[in-house]
Every structure is written in C-alpha cells, then in structure tokens.
C-alpha cells in the first residue's frame, strides 16, 4: 500500500471521527461513507476499518474535548451501571462507545439484554413508569442479517439503547458491524470495576 494511499486512508478516518464526535453519528460505516464523500473519495476505495476510526476518535476526544470528555464519560458509565443494576434479571451487558471510551456529548448508552419474553420486559418498564420507545434493530448473525427487538429508554441525561437477544445467545459474543471484529461487552461487575467502585481492576472483557 502506497504512502499516499495510507495518508488518504488516515485522513478519512480522522474526518469520520470528527463527524462522530461533533454530529452524534454512532455508526462507523455511515461516518466513514460521509467522510469519503466529503473528501471526494471514489466508491470502492479501501476505506479505513472501524478500529482505525475508533483510534482516531479517541485521539480527537483527547485533543478537542480533554476538559469535558472524562466527566461526561464517567456520567454515562454511572447511568449505565445504575440501569444495569435495575435490569440485572435480564443479564445486562454494556457495549459501544460508553464502554470503549469514545462516547461524546451526543452518545447513547448501548446495552444488551437476554430474555425470551419481550412482553414481560415491556411490562416491567411500564410498571415502573420508565418512558421508552419500542422498535427493532438489525444485527449480523451467522453470515446474515436479522432483526431483533429494541427499546430506547428516555432518561434525563442520556438515552439508553437496549437490544434484546434470546437467552440461548447469552454465551455467544456478537460481532461488530462492518469489519466483523468481535464486539466487546462488559457485564455489571466489570462496569463497577471500570468505575472503581467495586474490585480494583477491570476483569478481561469478553
């Protein structure tokens, strides 16, 4: 790969990171396609992978939001932990930008829950007067795409995006969209440790 090609690929990653940080884009694929179009990069060009954009996003947050980012990230992780404690019967896992440290001012909190009774979960929310929106989201599964139930909890400081998986998938590790990398996730005890209010060190993330 030529030096010019590498430089252009890096610039696309940096612009994609800026779009995610400043405009609330949460999908890596969408951000890099927008960045490529803005830069006039032709279709079919070898665009940067999600990991490259994630690294660029962390650098961007440190450079431009170094004062506010740590406090915002901690707040989102605390909200995530409180929500996971509330939903402990559904085997909650934290994923996404709040876990990997790239969350910005517009970021949602992403949780995975595992239950075979979507209606029971809906009733659980209604009984506690928790405002939510119900829908579906696409996930990559066994070489294909499937729709799974989703809920958005409208909390005061952030929205919590919840994906509902069948219980028999609890031991499997979902794949990230786009480049097929393993999607990292952390259970309640690991998020507690990440915040420093449980064990002193964070266990290995699955």
Protein backbone atom coordinates (compact mmCIF):
# COMPACT_ATOMS: atom_id res chain seq x y z
CA UNK A 1 0.00 0.00 0.00
CA UNK A 2 1.49 3.37 -1.07
CA UNK A 3 2.33 6.20 1.31
CA UNK A 4 -0.22 8.44 -0.43
CA UNK A 5 -2.88 5.76 -0.03
CA UNK A 6 -2.09 5.42 3.68
CA UNK A 7 -2.26 9.18 4.19
CA UNK A 8 -5.65 9.43 2.47
CA UNK A 9 -6.97 6.50 4.46
CA UNK A 10 -5.81 8.21 7.68
CA UNK A 11 -7.49 11.48 6.66
CA UNK A 12 -10.77 9.67 6.01
CA UNK A 13 -10.53 8.07 9.47
CA UNK A 14 -9.86 11.46 11.08
CA UNK A 15 -12.80 13.14 9.34
CA UNK A 16 -15.07 10.20 10.20
CA UNK A 17 -14.00 10.56 13.84
CA UNK A 18 -14.78 14.28 13.76
CA UNK A 19 -18.25 13.61 12.32
CA UNK A 20 -18.94 11.07 15.06
CA UNK A 21 -17.72 13.39 17.81
CA UNK A 22 -19.39 16.60 16.66
CA UNK A 23 -22.57 15.41 14.96
CA UNK A 24 -23.58 12.45 17.09
CA UNK A 25 -23.12 9.83 14.36
CA UNK A 26 -22.81 6.46 16.09
CA UNK A 27 -22.46 4.14 13.12
CA UNK A 28 -18.86 3.68 11.93
CA UNK A 29 -19.92 2.72 8.42
CA UNK A 30 -22.12 5.78 7.99
CA UNK A 31 -19.42 8.10 9.34
CA UNK A 32 -16.70 6.82 7.01
CA UNK A 33 -19.01 6.90 3.97
CA UNK A 34 -19.92 10.52 4.76
CA UNK A 35 -16.25 11.37 5.26
CA UNK A 36 -15.29 9.73 1.99
CA UNK A 37 -17.98 11.65 0.09
CA UNK A 38 -16.93 14.97 1.62
CA UNK A 39 -13.34 14.30 0.57
CA UNK A 40 -14.33 13.18 -2.91
CA UNK A 41 -13.01 9.66 -2.41
CA UNK A 42 -14.30 7.32 -5.11
CA UNK A 43 -16.67 4.43 -4.38
CA UNK A 44 -14.80 1.17 -3.88
CA UNK A 45 -11.80 2.86 -2.30
CA UNK A 46 -10.24 0.86 0.52
CA UNK A 47 -11.73 2.83 3.42
CA UNK A 48 -10.38 2.65 6.98
CA UNK A 49 -11.73 -0.04 9.27
CA UNK A 50 -13.75 0.54 12.42
CA UNK A 51 -10.69 0.06 14.63
CA UNK A 52 -8.79 2.81 12.81
CA UNK A 53 -11.73 5.20 13.21
CA UNK A 54 -12.09 4.26 16.88
CA UNK A 55 -8.44 5.15 17.50
CA UNK A 56 -8.86 8.42 15.60
CA UNK A 57 -11.97 9.19 17.65
CA UNK A 58 -10.13 8.65 20.93
CA UNK A 59 -7.37 10.99 19.74
CA UNK A 60 -9.94 13.59 18.69
CA UNK A 61 -11.73 13.45 22.05
CA UNK A 62 -8.44 13.82 23.92
CA UNK A 63 -7.34 16.76 21.77
CA UNK A 64 -10.57 18.77 21.50
CA UNK A 65 -12.63 17.64 24.49
CA UNK A 66 -9.92 16.85 27.01
CA UNK A 67 -11.52 19.02 29.70
CA UNK A 68 -15.13 17.85 29.39
CA UNK A 69 -14.84 14.34 27.99
CA UNK A 70 -13.70 12.43 31.13
CA UNK A 71 -16.56 13.84 33.24
CA UNK A 72 -19.16 13.15 30.54
CA UNK A 73 -17.84 9.62 30.02
CA UNK A 74 -17.96 8.89 33.73
CA UNK A 75 -21.54 10.21 33.97
CA UNK A 76 -22.64 7.95 31.11
CA UNK A 77 -20.94 4.96 32.69
CA UNK A 78 -22.62 5.70 36.03
CA UNK A 79 -26.02 5.88 34.31
CA UNK A 80 -25.22 2.63 32.53
CA UNK A 81 -24.30 0.96 35.81
CA UNK A 82 -27.49 2.14 37.54
CA UNK A 83 -29.57 0.89 34.62
CA UNK A 84 -27.79 -2.46 34.61
CA UNK A 85 -28.43 -2.86 38.33
CA UNK A 86 -32.11 -2.17 37.72
CA UNK A 87 -32.20 -4.74 34.90
CA UNK A 88 -29.98 -7.38 36.48
CA UNK A 89 -32.56 -10.16 35.96
CA UNK A 90 -32.10 -9.74 32.21
CA UNK A 91 -28.31 -10.37 32.22
CA UNK A 92 -27.30 -6.88 31.03
CA UNK A 93 -24.07 -6.16 29.16
CA UNK A 94 -22.65 -2.74 28.26
CA UNK A 95 -21.29 -2.26 24.73
CA UNK A 96 -20.37 0.53 22.37
CA UNK A 97 -18.82 3.96 22.86
CA UNK A 98 -19.56 4.26 26.60
CA UNK A 99 -17.58 1.08 27.16
CA UNK A 100 -14.69 1.74 24.78
CA UNK A 101 -14.26 5.33 25.93
CA UNK A 102 -15.17 7.21 22.74
CA UNK A 103 -18.59 8.47 23.91
CA UNK A 104 -19.22 12.15 23.27
CA UNK A 105 -21.90 14.73 24.12
CA UNK A 106 -24.42 13.12 21.75
CA UNK A 107 -23.72 9.47 22.54
CA UNK A 108 -26.32 6.99 23.70
CA UNK A 109 -25.68 4.18 26.17
CA UNK A 110 -25.84 0.76 24.49
CA UNK A 111 -26.95 -2.29 26.46
CA UNK A 112 -27.61 -5.89 25.50
CA UNK A 113 -30.24 -7.84 27.45
CA UNK A 114 -31.07 -11.54 27.20
CA UNK A 115 -34.64 -12.78 27.57
CA UNK A 116 -37.13 -14.87 25.63
CA UNK A 117 -40.05 -12.79 26.89
CA UNK A 118 -40.02 -9.38 25.25
CA UNK A 119 -43.54 -8.61 26.53
CA UNK A 120 -42.51 -9.27 30.12
CA UNK A 121 -39.70 -6.76 29.75
CA UNK A 122 -42.07 -4.20 28.25
CA UNK A 123 -44.45 -4.69 31.19
CA UNK A 124 -41.53 -4.30 33.60
CA UNK A 125 -40.81 -0.85 32.16
CA UNK A 126 -44.45 0.19 32.16
CA UNK A 127 -44.95 -0.81 35.78
CA UNK A 128 -42.06 1.43 36.78
CA UNK A 129 -43.22 4.37 34.64
CA UNK A 130 -39.99 4.36 32.66
CA UNK A 131 -40.53 6.21 29.35
CA UNK A 132 -39.45 4.16 26.34
CA UNK A 133 -39.82 3.68 22.62
CA UNK A 134 -40.02 0.21 21.10
CA UNK A 135 -38.62 -0.89 17.77
CA UNK A 136 -36.24 -3.25 16.03
CA UNK A 137 -32.60 -3.18 15.06
CA UNK A 138 -30.52 -5.18 12.62
CA UNK A 139 -27.65 -7.37 13.81
CA UNK A 140 -25.23 -9.54 11.89
CA UNK A 141 -25.72 -13.23 12.60
CA UNK A 142 -24.10 -16.30 11.01
CA UNK A 143 -23.27 -14.58 7.75
CA UNK A 144 -26.62 -12.81 7.51
CA UNK A 145 -28.68 -10.02 9.00
CA UNK A 146 -31.63 -10.44 11.35
CA UNK A 147 -33.98 -8.10 13.19
CA UNK A 148 -34.17 -8.21 16.97
CA UNK A 149 -36.38 -6.25 19.40
CA UNK A 150 -35.03 -2.98 20.74
CA UNK A 151 -36.05 -0.43 23.33
CA UNK A 152 -34.93 3.16 23.85
CA UNK A 153 -35.20 4.38 27.45
CA UNK A 154 -35.55 8.16 27.56
CA UNK A 155 -33.66 9.11 30.71
CA UNK A 156 -32.83 12.64 31.87
CA UNK A 157 -29.15 12.77 30.98
CA UNK A 158 -28.93 10.24 28.13
CA UNK A 159 -30.91 7.74 26.10
CA UNK A 160 -30.27 4.06 26.76
CA UNK A 161 -30.47 1.89 23.63
CA UNK A 162 -31.31 -1.71 24.52
CA UNK A 163 -31.05 -4.68 22.17
CA UNK A 164 -32.98 -7.80 23.23
CA UNK A 165 -31.32 -11.14 22.45
CA UNK A 166 -32.66 -14.66 23.07
CA UNK A 167 -31.43 -16.25 26.29
CA UNK A 168 -29.66 -19.06 24.45
CA UNK A 169 -27.32 -16.44 22.90
CA UNK A 170 -26.08 -15.28 26.30
CA UNK A 171 -22.81 -17.21 25.93
CA UNK A 172 -22.15 -16.13 22.37
CA UNK A 173 -20.27 -12.95 21.57
CA UNK A 174 -21.98 -10.76 18.95
CA UNK A 175 -19.90 -9.43 16.09
CA UNK A 176 -19.45 -5.78 15.28
CA UNK A 177 -20.96 -4.38 12.12
CA UNK A 178 -18.80 -3.78 9.08
CA UNK A 179 -15.44 -5.35 9.69
CA UNK A 180 -16.52 -8.46 11.63
CA UNK A 181 -14.46 -7.68 14.72
CA UNK A 182 -15.69 -9.12 18.00
CA UNK A 183 -17.98 -6.62 19.68
CA UNK A 184 -16.61 -6.06 23.18
CA UNK A 185 -19.07 -6.14 26.03
CA UNK A 186 -18.88 -5.91 29.81
CA UNK A 187 -21.17 -7.31 32.49
CA UNK A 188 -22.25 -5.47 35.62
CA UNK A 189 -19.26 -6.41 37.79
CA UNK A 190 -16.86 -5.29 35.05
CA UNK A 191 -18.56 -1.90 34.72
CA UNK A 192 -18.42 -1.50 38.50
CA UNK A 193 -14.69 -2.16 38.37
CA UNK A 194 -14.28 0.22 35.44
CA UNK A 195 -15.74 2.98 37.63
CA UNK A 196 -13.59 1.99 40.58
CA UNK A 197 -16.47 1.27 42.95
CA UNK A 198 -16.02 -2.49 43.09
CA UNK A 199 -12.92 -4.59 42.51
CA UNK A 200 -9.73 -2.57 41.96
CA UNK A 201 -9.06 -3.92 38.47
CA UNK A 202 -11.30 -4.49 35.48
CA UNK A 203 -11.51 -8.16 34.51
CA UNK A 204 -10.92 -9.15 30.91
CA UNK A 205 -13.78 -8.00 28.71
CA UNK A 206 -15.46 -10.84 26.83
